[in-house]
Amino acid sequence: MDNITNIPQHIAIIMDGNRRWAKERGIETKEGHKAGAENLENIAKYCNKIGVKYLTVYAFSTENWKRSKEEVSALMILLRNYLNKFSKNANKENIRIKILGDISVLESGLRKSVEDAITKTKDNTGLTLNIAFNYGGRAEITNAVKKIALKLASNEIKLEDIDENLVNENMYTDGEPDPDLLIRPGGELRTSNFLPWQLVYTEFYFSDKYWPDFGEDELLEAIETFNKRNRKFGGK
């Protein structure tokens, strides 16, 4: 920490590699996801400790419904248990929980856990933990376009009112800065439909380590690398 002079205000993480982590250990896939959830709790607490203001993690994409019913069911149970447990600890840590994505399709018990976690932590002033669940970047942009179109059709806004700021206001991350740093463990080199609008000037960091093994030391290494980047934002 001593040689880190600039802590990113907003870090985004694609939590990749849980299934491969489990396979290499000869254990069930759900155990890999459980280890990944436990690591998320540790990383969120550590980000809060070092002064990160926003942490956005990719937990379940709109495409993940294509996985086996058994795995999807295990992920839903895991999210419910995680939210019930972590929302209590989040208050102790002063962490605010938000969900990015369409939760209307979730079963009622899980949806209640999501809503309770959001409500219980809404006044916390430390780290904001954005959990992208049933999230797709193109779906988010499409949803924003629909909301703007409705406002235009009802004469709430005029055509000339539509600009980047208005689009931002209709995204899930309204009111938050764009990510400074995107981290993807697991060895893959793509963004996988994660935050396409918000990542336009984000610095990327890729790691071969699977998410359950991506701990505090690996996070600090990513931040150190970020500190060596020269962010020009299109300027000289």
C-alpha atoms as a PDB file:
ATOM      1  CA  MET A   1       0.000   0.000   0.000  1.00  0.00           C
ATOM      2  CA  ASP A   2       2.876   2.412   0.756  1.00  0.00           C
ATOM      3  CA  ASN A   3       3.834   2.830  -2.908  1.00  0.00           C
ATOM      4  CA  ILE A   4       0.251   3.330  -4.106  1.00  0.00           C
ATOM      5  CA  THR A   5      -0.526   7.010  -4.454  1.00  0.00           C
ATOM      6  CA  ASN A   6      -3.805   6.814  -6.362  1.00  0.00           C
ATOM      7  CA  ILE A   7      -6.623   4.489  -5.290  1.00  0.00           C
ATOM      8  CA  PRO A   8      -9.189   4.064  -8.099  1.00  0.00           C
ATOM      9  CA  GLN A   9     -12.515   5.606  -7.145  1.00  0.00           C
ATOM     10  CA  HIS A  10     -14.442   2.905  -9.017  1.00  0.00           C
ATOM     11  CA  ILE A  11     -13.264  -0.655  -9.713  1.00  0.00           C
ATOM     12  CA  ALA A  12     -15.215  -3.122 -11.869  1.00  0.00           C
ATOM     13  CA  ILE A  13     -14.530  -6.859 -11.725  1.00  0.00           C
ATOM     14  CA  ILE A  14     -15.619  -9.725 -13.971  1.00  0.00           C
ATOM     15  CA  MET A  15     -15.531 -12.577 -11.448  1.00  0.00           C
ATOM     16  CA  ASP A  16     -14.391 -15.323 -13.811  1.00  0.00           C
ATOM     17  CA  GLY A  17     -12.982 -18.796 -13.255  1.00  0.00           C
ATOM     18  CA  ASN A  18     -15.133 -20.261 -10.464  1.00  0.00           C
ATOM     19  CA  ARG A  19     -16.108 -23.335 -12.498  1.00  0.00           C
ATOM     20  CA  ARG A  20     -12.569 -24.040 -13.708  1.00  0.00           C
ATOM     21  CA  TRP A  21     -11.256 -23.516 -10.153  1.00  0.00           C
ATOM     22  CA  ALA A  22     -13.660 -26.206  -8.931  1.00  0.00           C
ATOM     23  CA  LYS A  23     -12.918 -28.583 -11.822  1.00  0.00           C
ATOM     24  CA  GLU A  24      -9.175 -28.472 -11.189  1.00  0.00           C
ATOM     25  CA  ARG A  25      -9.852 -29.456  -7.571  1.00  0.00           C
ATOM     26  CA  GLY A  26     -12.256 -32.246  -8.489  1.00  0.00           C
ATOM     27  CA  ILE A  27     -15.162 -30.668  -6.618  1.00  0.00           C
ATOM     28  CA  GLU A  28     -18.679 -29.627  -7.626  1.00  0.00           C
ATOM     29  CA  THR A  29     -19.222 -26.458  -9.631  1.00  0.00           C
ATOM     30  CA  LYS A  30     -21.370 -24.970  -6.864  1.00  0.00           C
ATOM     31  CA  GLU A  31     -18.381 -25.153  -4.516  1.00  0.00           C
ATOM     32  CA  GLY A  32     -16.451 -22.983  -6.941  1.00  0.00           C
ATOM     33  CA  HIS A  33     -19.237 -20.413  -6.961  1.00  0.00           C
ATOM     34  CA  LYS A  34     -19.371 -20.547  -3.152  1.00  0.00           C
ATOM     35  CA  ALA A  35     -15.622 -19.883  -2.961  1.00  0.00           C
ATOM     36  CA  GLY A  36     -16.095 -17.007  -5.404  1.00  0.00           C
ATOM     37  CA  ALA A  37     -18.848 -15.491  -3.240  1.00  0.00           C
ATOM     38  CA  GLU A  38     -16.650 -15.731  -0.151  1.00  0.00           C
ATOM     39  CA  ASN A  39     -13.840 -14.007  -2.030  1.00  0.00           C
ATOM     40  CA  LEU A  40     -16.198 -11.231  -3.101  1.00  0.00           C
ATOM     41  CA  GLU A  41     -17.045 -10.541   0.529  1.00  0.00           C
ATOM     42  CA  ASN A  42     -13.342 -10.335   1.411  1.00  0.00           C
ATOM     43  CA  ILE A  43     -12.472  -8.124  -1.570  1.00  0.00           C
ATOM     44  CA  ALA A  44     -15.430  -5.805  -0.915  1.00  0.00           C
ATOM     45  CA  LYS A  45     -14.349  -5.319   2.691  1.00  0.00           C
ATOM     46  CA  TYR A  46     -10.767  -4.687   1.591  1.00  0.00           C
ATOM     47  CA  CYS A  47     -11.818  -2.176  -1.070  1.00  0.00           C
ATOM     48  CA  ASN A  48     -13.830  -0.362   1.574  1.00  0.00           C
ATOM     49  CA  LYS A  49     -10.804  -0.364   3.877  1.00  0.00           C
ATOM     50  CA  ILE A  50      -8.397   1.150   1.330  1.00  0.00           C
ATOM     51  CA  GLY A  51     -10.797   3.859   0.164  1.00  0.00           C
ATOM     52  CA  VAL A  52     -12.403   2.549  -3.034  1.00  0.00           C
ATOM     53  CA  LYS A  53     -15.805   4.250  -3.334  1.00  0.00           C
ATOM     54  CA  TYR A  54     -17.524   1.953  -5.853  1.00  0.00           C
ATOM     55  CA  LEU A  55     -17.031  -1.739  -6.635  1.00  0.00           C
ATOM     56  CA  THR A  56     -19.092  -3.197  -9.486  1.00  0.00           C
ATOM     57  CA  VAL A  57     -18.964  -6.972  -9.930  1.00  0.00           C
ATOM     58  CA  TYR A  58     -20.364  -9.190 -12.675  1.00  0.00           C
ATOM     59  CA  ALA A  59     -22.201 -11.970 -10.833  1.00  0.00           C
ATOM     60  CA  PHE A  60     -24.757 -13.336 -13.332  1.00  0.00           C
ATOM     61  CA  SER A  61     -25.285 -12.264 -16.925  1.00  0.00           C
ATOM     62  CA  THR A  62     -28.425 -12.410 -19.037  1.00  0.00           C
ATOM     63  CA  GLU A  63     -26.620 -15.144 -21.025  1.00  0.00           C
ATOM     64  CA  ASN A  64     -25.947 -17.290 -17.917  1.00  0.00           C
ATOM     65  CA  TRP A  65     -29.531 -18.570 -18.008  1.00  0.00           C
ATOM     66  CA  LYS A  66     -28.273 -20.898 -20.767  1.00  0.00           C
ATOM     67  CA  ARG A  67     -26.309 -22.908 -18.208  1.00  0.00           C
ATOM     68  CA  SER A  68     -27.714 -26.126 -16.725  1.00  0.00           C
ATOM     69  CA  LYS A  69     -30.806 -25.829 -14.523  1.00  0.00           C
ATOM     70  CA  GLU A  70     -28.817 -27.347 -11.661  1.00  0.00           C
ATOM     71  CA  GLU A  71     -26.083 -24.707 -11.865  1.00  0.00           C
ATOM     72  CA  VAL A  72     -28.519 -21.806 -12.271  1.00  0.00           C
ATOM     73  CA  SER A  73     -30.538 -23.045  -9.290  1.00  0.00           C
ATOM     74  CA  ALA A  74     -27.380 -23.311  -7.188  1.00  0.00           C
ATOM     75  CA  LEU A  75     -26.402 -19.754  -8.164  1.00  0.00           C
ATOM     76  CA  MET A  76     -29.814 -18.417  -7.156  1.00  0.00           C
ATOM     77  CA  ILE A  77     -29.634 -20.124  -3.762  1.00  0.00           C
ATOM     78  CA  LEU A  78     -26.089 -18.844  -3.310  1.00  0.00           C
ATOM     79  CA  LEU A  79     -27.098 -15.260  -4.105  1.00  0.00           C
ATOM     80  CA  ARG A  80     -29.995 -15.409  -1.645  1.00  0.00           C
ATOM     81  CA  ASN A  81     -27.822 -16.801   1.153  1.00  0.00           C
ATOM     82  CA  TYR A  82     -25.042 -14.367   0.324  1.00  0.00           C
ATOM     83  CA  LEU A  83     -27.328 -11.330   0.390  1.00  0.00           C
ATOM     84  CA  ASN A  84     -28.999 -12.390   3.645  1.00  0.00           C
ATOM     85  CA  LYS A  85     -25.616 -12.870   5.308  1.00  0.00           C
ATOM     86  CA  PHE A  86     -23.654 -10.068   3.742  1.00  0.00           C
ATOM     87  CA  SER A  87     -26.327  -7.396   4.157  1.00  0.00           C
ATOM     88  CA  LYS A  88     -25.950  -7.828   7.930  1.00  0.00           C
ATOM     89  CA  ASN A  89     -22.158  -7.616   7.753  1.00  0.00           C
ATOM     90  CA  ALA A  90     -22.375  -4.780   5.235  1.00  0.00           C
ATOM     91  CA  ASN A  91     -24.038  -2.591   7.825  1.00  0.00           C
ATOM     92  CA  LYS A  92     -21.181  -3.270  10.232  1.00  0.00           C
ATOM     93  CA  GLU A  93     -18.717  -2.406   7.455  1.00  0.00           C
ATOM     94  CA  ASN A  94     -20.786   0.620   6.317  1.00  0.00           C
ATOM     95  CA  ILE A  95     -21.132  -0.899   2.813  1.00  0.00           C
ATOM     96  CA  ARG A  96     -24.086  -0.060   0.583  1.00  0.00           C
ATOM     97  CA  ILE A  97     -25.459  -2.819  -1.680  1.00  0.00           C
ATOM     98  CA  LYS A  98     -27.063  -2.110  -5.060  1.00  0.00           C
ATOM     99  CA  ILE A  99     -28.189  -4.483  -7.811  1.00  0.00           C
ATOM    100  CA  LEU A 100     -27.638  -3.713 -11.490  1.00  0.00           C
ATOM    101  CA  GLY A 101     -29.955  -5.704 -13.732  1.00  0.00           C
ATOM    102  CA  ASP A 102     -33.520  -6.911 -14.145  1.00  0.00           C
ATOM    103  CA  ILE A 103     -34.656  -8.520 -10.882  1.00  0.00           C
ATOM    104  CA  SER A 104     -38.317  -8.693 -11.934  1.00  0.00           C
ATOM    105  CA  VAL A 105     -37.793 -12.202 -13.356  1.00  0.00           C
ATOM    106  CA  LEU A 106     -36.389 -13.625 -10.100  1.00  0.00           C
ATOM    107  CA  GLU A 107     -38.552 -15.828  -7.894  1.00  0.00           C
ATOM    108  CA  SER A 108     -40.273 -13.988  -5.045  1.00  0.00           C
ATOM    109  CA  GLY A 109     -38.041 -15.216  -2.203  1.00  0.00           C
ATOM    110  CA  LEU A 110     -34.854 -14.203  -3.958  1.00  0.00           C
ATOM    111  CA  ARG A 111     -36.347 -10.911  -5.072  1.00  0.00           C
ATOM    112  CA  LYS A 112     -37.286 -10.141  -1.448  1.00  0.00           C
ATOM    113  CA  SER A 113     -33.708 -10.879  -0.336  1.00  0.00           C
ATOM    114  CA  VAL A 114     -32.436  -8.496  -3.006  1.00  0.00           C
ATOM    115  CA  GLU A 115     -34.872  -5.760  -2.006  1.00  0.00           C
ATOM    116  CA  ASP A 116     -34.133  -6.242   1.716  1.00  0.00           C
ATOM    117  CA  ALA A 117     -30.368  -5.993   1.149  1.00  0.00           C
ATOM    118  CA  ILE A 118     -30.831  -2.772  -0.811  1.00  0.00           C
ATOM    119  CA  THR A 119     -33.159  -1.262   1.784  1.00  0.00           C
ATOM    120  CA  LYS A 120     -31.103  -2.286   4.831  1.00  0.00           C
ATOM    121  CA  THR A 121     -27.895  -0.776   3.455  1.00  0.00           C
ATOM    122  CA  LYS A 122     -29.207   2.246   1.527  1.00  0.00           C
ATOM    123  CA  ASP A 123     -28.011   4.791   4.106  1.00  0.00           C
ATOM    124  CA  ASN A 124     -24.484   3.395   4.439  1.00  0.00           C
ATOM    125  CA  THR A 125     -21.801   5.861   3.380  1.00  0.00           C
ATOM    126  CA  GLY A 126     -18.769   3.661   2.724  1.00  0.00           C
ATOM    127  CA  LEU A 127     -18.197   1.481  -0.335  1.00  0.00           C
ATOM    128  CA  THR A 128     -21.084   1.080  -2.777  1.00  0.00           C
ATOM    129  CA  LEU A 129     -21.112  -2.556  -3.912  1.00  0.00           C
ATOM    130  CA  ASN A 130     -22.913  -2.887  -7.251  1.00  0.00           C
ATOM    131  CA  ILE A 131     -23.800  -6.524  -7.945  1.00  0.00           C
ATOM    132  CA  ALA A 132     -24.601  -6.986 -11.639  1.00  0.00           C
ATOM    133  CA  PHE A 133     -27.152  -9.807 -11.599  1.00  0.00           C
ATOM    134  CA  ASN A 134     -29.271 -10.799 -14.592  1.00  0.00           C
ATOM    135  CA  TYR A 135     -27.294  -8.036 -16.247  1.00  0.00           C
ATOM    136  CA  GLY A 136     -26.407  -7.478 -19.892  1.00  0.00           C
ATOM    137  CA  GLY A 137     -24.702  -4.355 -21.186  1.00  0.00           C
ATOM    138  CA  ARG A 138     -26.693  -4.163 -24.404  1.00  0.00           C
ATOM    139  CA  ALA A 139     -29.907  -4.795 -22.461  1.00  0.00           C
ATOM    140  CA  GLU A 140     -29.014  -1.904 -20.138  1.00  0.00           C
ATOM    141  CA  ILE A 141     -28.494   0.453 -23.075  1.00  0.00           C
ATOM    142  CA  THR A 142     -31.702  -0.766 -24.745  1.00  0.00           C
ATOM    143  CA  ASN A 143     -33.602  -0.167 -21.510  1.00  0.00           C
ATOM    144  CA  ALA A 144     -32.185   3.370 -21.281  1.00  0.00           C
ATOM    145  CA  VAL A 145     -33.236   4.063 -24.883  1.00  0.00           C
ATOM    146  CA  LYS A 146     -36.781   2.880 -24.134  1.00  0.00           C
ATOM    147  CA  LYS A 147     -37.049   5.123 -21.064  1.00  0.00           C
ATOM    148  CA  ILE A 148     -35.827   8.119 -23.050  1.00  0.00           C
ATOM    149  CA  ALA A 149     -38.213   7.323 -25.902  1.00  0.00           C
ATOM    150  CA  LEU A 150     -41.151   7.259 -23.485  1.00  0.00           C
ATOM    151  CA  LYS A 151     -40.151  10.658 -22.100  1.00  0.00           C
ATOM    152  CA  LEU A 152     -39.886  11.993 -25.643  1.00  0.00           C
ATOM    153  CA  ALA A 153     -43.270  10.566 -26.632  1.00  0.00           C
ATOM    154  CA  SER A 154     -44.945  12.121 -23.589  1.00  0.00           C
ATOM    155  CA  ASN A 155     -43.323  15.500 -24.336  1.00  0.00           C
ATOM    156  CA  GLU A 156     -41.455  15.325 -21.029  1.00  0.00           C
ATOM    157  CA  ILE A 157     -38.273  16.093 -22.975  1.00  0.00           C
ATOM    158  CA  LYS A 158     -37.408  17.480 -26.410  1.00  0.00           C
ATOM    159  CA  LEU A 159     -35.190  15.848 -29.030  1.00  0.00           C
ATOM    160  CA  GLU A 160     -32.426  18.391 -28.382  1.00  0.00           C
ATOM    161  CA  ASP A 161     -32.419  17.370 -24.688  1.00  0.00           C
ATOM    162  CA  ILE A 162     -30.989  13.962 -25.578  1.00  0.00           C
ATOM    163  CA  ASP A 163     -27.255  13.950 -24.861  1.00  0.00           C
ATOM    164  CA  GLU A 164     -24.705  11.793 -23.010  1.00  0.00           C
ATOM    165  CA  ASN A 165     -25.791  13.179 -19.646  1.00  0.00           C
ATOM    166  CA  LEU A 166     -29.395  12.140 -20.274  1.00  0.00           C
ATOM    167  CA  VAL A 167     -28.309   8.652 -21.296  1.00  0.00           C
ATOM    168  CA  ASN A 168     -26.203   8.409 -18.134  1.00  0.00           C
ATOM    169  CA  GLU A 169     -29.219   9.378 -16.048  1.00  0.00           C
ATOM    170  CA  ASN A 170     -31.142   6.419 -17.457  1.00  0.00           C
ATOM    171  CA  MET A 171     -28.447   3.796 -16.877  1.00  0.00           C
ATOM    172  CA  TYR A 172     -28.299   1.513 -13.827  1.00  0.00           C
ATOM    173  CA  THR A 173     -25.199   3.402 -12.644  1.00  0.00           C
ATOM    174  CA  ASP A 174     -26.889   6.822 -12.614  1.00  0.00           C
ATOM    175  CA  GLY A 175     -25.090   9.154 -10.217  1.00  0.00           C
ATOM    176  CA  GLU A 176     -21.893   7.086 -10.131  1.00  0.00           C
ATOM    177  CA  PRO A 177     -18.568   7.778 -11.859  1.00  0.00           C
ATOM    178  CA  ASP A 178     -17.476   5.427 -14.634  1.00  0.00           C
ATOM    179  CA  PRO A 179     -15.061   2.676 -13.575  1.00  0.00           C
ATOM    180  CA  ASP A 180     -11.407   3.724 -13.466  1.00  0.00           C
ATOM    181  CA  LEU A 181     -10.181   0.125 -13.528  1.00  0.00           C
ATOM    182  CA  LEU A 182     -11.665  -3.109 -14.899  1.00  0.00           C
ATOM    183  CA  ILE A 183     -10.190  -6.337 -13.553  1.00  0.00           C
ATOM    184  CA  ARG A 184     -10.821  -9.712 -15.186  1.00  0.00           C
ATOM    185  CA  PRO A 185      -9.288 -12.797 -13.554  1.00  0.00           C
ATOM    186  CA  GLY A 186      -9.565 -16.212 -15.186  1.00  0.00           C
ATOM    187  CA  GLY A 187      -7.348 -15.729 -18.222  1.00  0.00           C
ATOM    188  CA  GLU A 188      -9.969 -14.484 -20.686  1.00  0.00           C
ATOM    189  CA  LEU A 189      -9.374 -11.242 -22.611  1.00  0.00           C
ATOM    190  CA  ARG A 190     -12.839  -9.829 -23.281  1.00  0.00           C
ATOM    191  CA  THR A 191     -15.492  -7.747 -21.542  1.00  0.00           C
ATOM    192  CA  SER A 192     -18.404 -10.163 -22.149  1.00  0.00           C
ATOM    193  CA  ASN A 193     -21.207  -7.592 -22.451  1.00  0.00           C
ATOM    194  CA  PHE A 194     -20.228  -5.927 -19.155  1.00  0.00           C
ATOM    195  CA  LEU A 195     -20.735  -2.149 -18.823  1.00  0.00           C
ATOM    196  CA  PRO A 196     -20.097  -1.260 -22.508  1.00  0.00           C
ATOM    197  CA  TRP A 197     -21.339   2.306 -22.028  1.00  0.00           C
ATOM    198  CA  GLN A 198     -19.353   2.914 -18.843  1.00  0.00           C
ATOM    199  CA  LEU A 199     -16.008   1.321 -19.838  1.00  0.00           C
ATOM    200  CA  VAL A 200     -15.071   3.636 -22.723  1.00  0.00           C
ATOM    201  CA  TYR A 201     -12.111   5.207 -20.853  1.00  0.00           C
ATOM    202  CA  THR A 202     -11.512   2.508 -18.261  1.00  0.00           C
ATOM    203  CA  GLU A 203      -8.079   0.918 -17.801  1.00  0.00           C
ATOM    204  CA  PHE A 204      -8.143  -2.892 -18.219  1.00  0.00           C
ATOM    205  CA  TYR A 205      -6.193  -5.417 -16.133  1.00  0.00           C
ATOM    206  CA  PHE A 206      -6.253  -9.146 -16.920  1.00  0.00           C
ATOM    207  CA  SER A 207      -5.015 -11.985 -14.702  1.00  0.00           C
ATOM    208  CA  ASP A 208      -4.624 -15.726 -15.242  1.00  0.00           C
ATOM    209  CA  LYS A 209      -5.638 -16.419 -11.634  1.00  0.00           C
ATOM    210  CA  TYR A 210      -9.142 -17.727 -11.108  1.00  0.00           C
ATOM    211  CA  TRP A 211     -11.471 -15.467  -9.142  1.00  0.00           C
ATOM    212  CA  PRO A 212     -11.493 -17.521  -5.897  1.00  0.00           C
ATOM    213  CA  ASP A 213      -7.673 -17.112  -5.768  1.00  0.00           C
ATOM    214  CA  PHE A 214      -7.681 -13.406  -6.637  1.00  0.00           C
ATOM    215  CA  GLY A 215      -6.997 -11.967  -3.191  1.00  0.00           C
ATOM    216  CA  GLU A 216      -5.801  -8.736  -1.641  1.00  0.00           C
ATOM    217  CA  ASP A 217      -2.252  -9.065  -3.013  1.00  0.00           C
ATOM    218  CA  GLU A 218      -3.555  -9.547  -6.551  1.00  0.00           C
ATOM    219  CA  LEU A 219      -5.888  -6.566  -6.157  1.00  0.00           C
ATOM    220  CA  LEU A 220      -3.008  -4.380  -4.994  1.00  0.00           C
ATOM    221  CA  GLU A 221      -0.923  -5.539  -7.969  1.00  0.00           C
ATOM    222  CA  ALA A 222      -3.758  -4.490 -10.290  1.00  0.00           C
ATOM    223  CA  ILE A 223      -3.962  -1.084  -8.591  1.00  0.00           C
ATOM    224  CA  GLU A 224      -0.180  -0.662  -8.821  1.00  0.00           C
ATOM    225  CA  THR A 225      -0.385  -1.369 -12.554  1.00  0.00           C
ATOM    226  CA  PHE A 226      -3.225   1.141 -12.832  1.00  0.00           C
ATOM    227  CA  ASN A 227      -1.030   3.743 -11.142  1.00  0.00           C
ATOM    228  CA  LYS A 228       1.583   3.333 -13.882  1.00  0.00           C
ATOM    229  CA  ARG A 229      -0.920   4.112 -16.654  1.00  0.00           C
ATOM    230  CA  ASN A 230      -1.127   7.565 -18.239  1.00  0.00           C
ATOM    231  CA  ARG A 231      -4.829   8.302 -18.594  1.00  0.00           C
ATOM    232  CA  LYS A 232      -5.337  10.922 -21.327  1.00  0.00           C
ATOM    233  CA  PHE A 233      -9.113  10.641 -21.890  1.00  0.00           C
ATOM    234  CA  GLY A 234      -8.616  11.444 -25.567  1.00  0.00           C
ATOM    235  CA  GLY A 235      -6.314  14.408 -24.903  1.00  0.00           C
ATOM    236  CA  LYS A 236      -2.585  14.769 -25.399  1.00  0.00           C
END
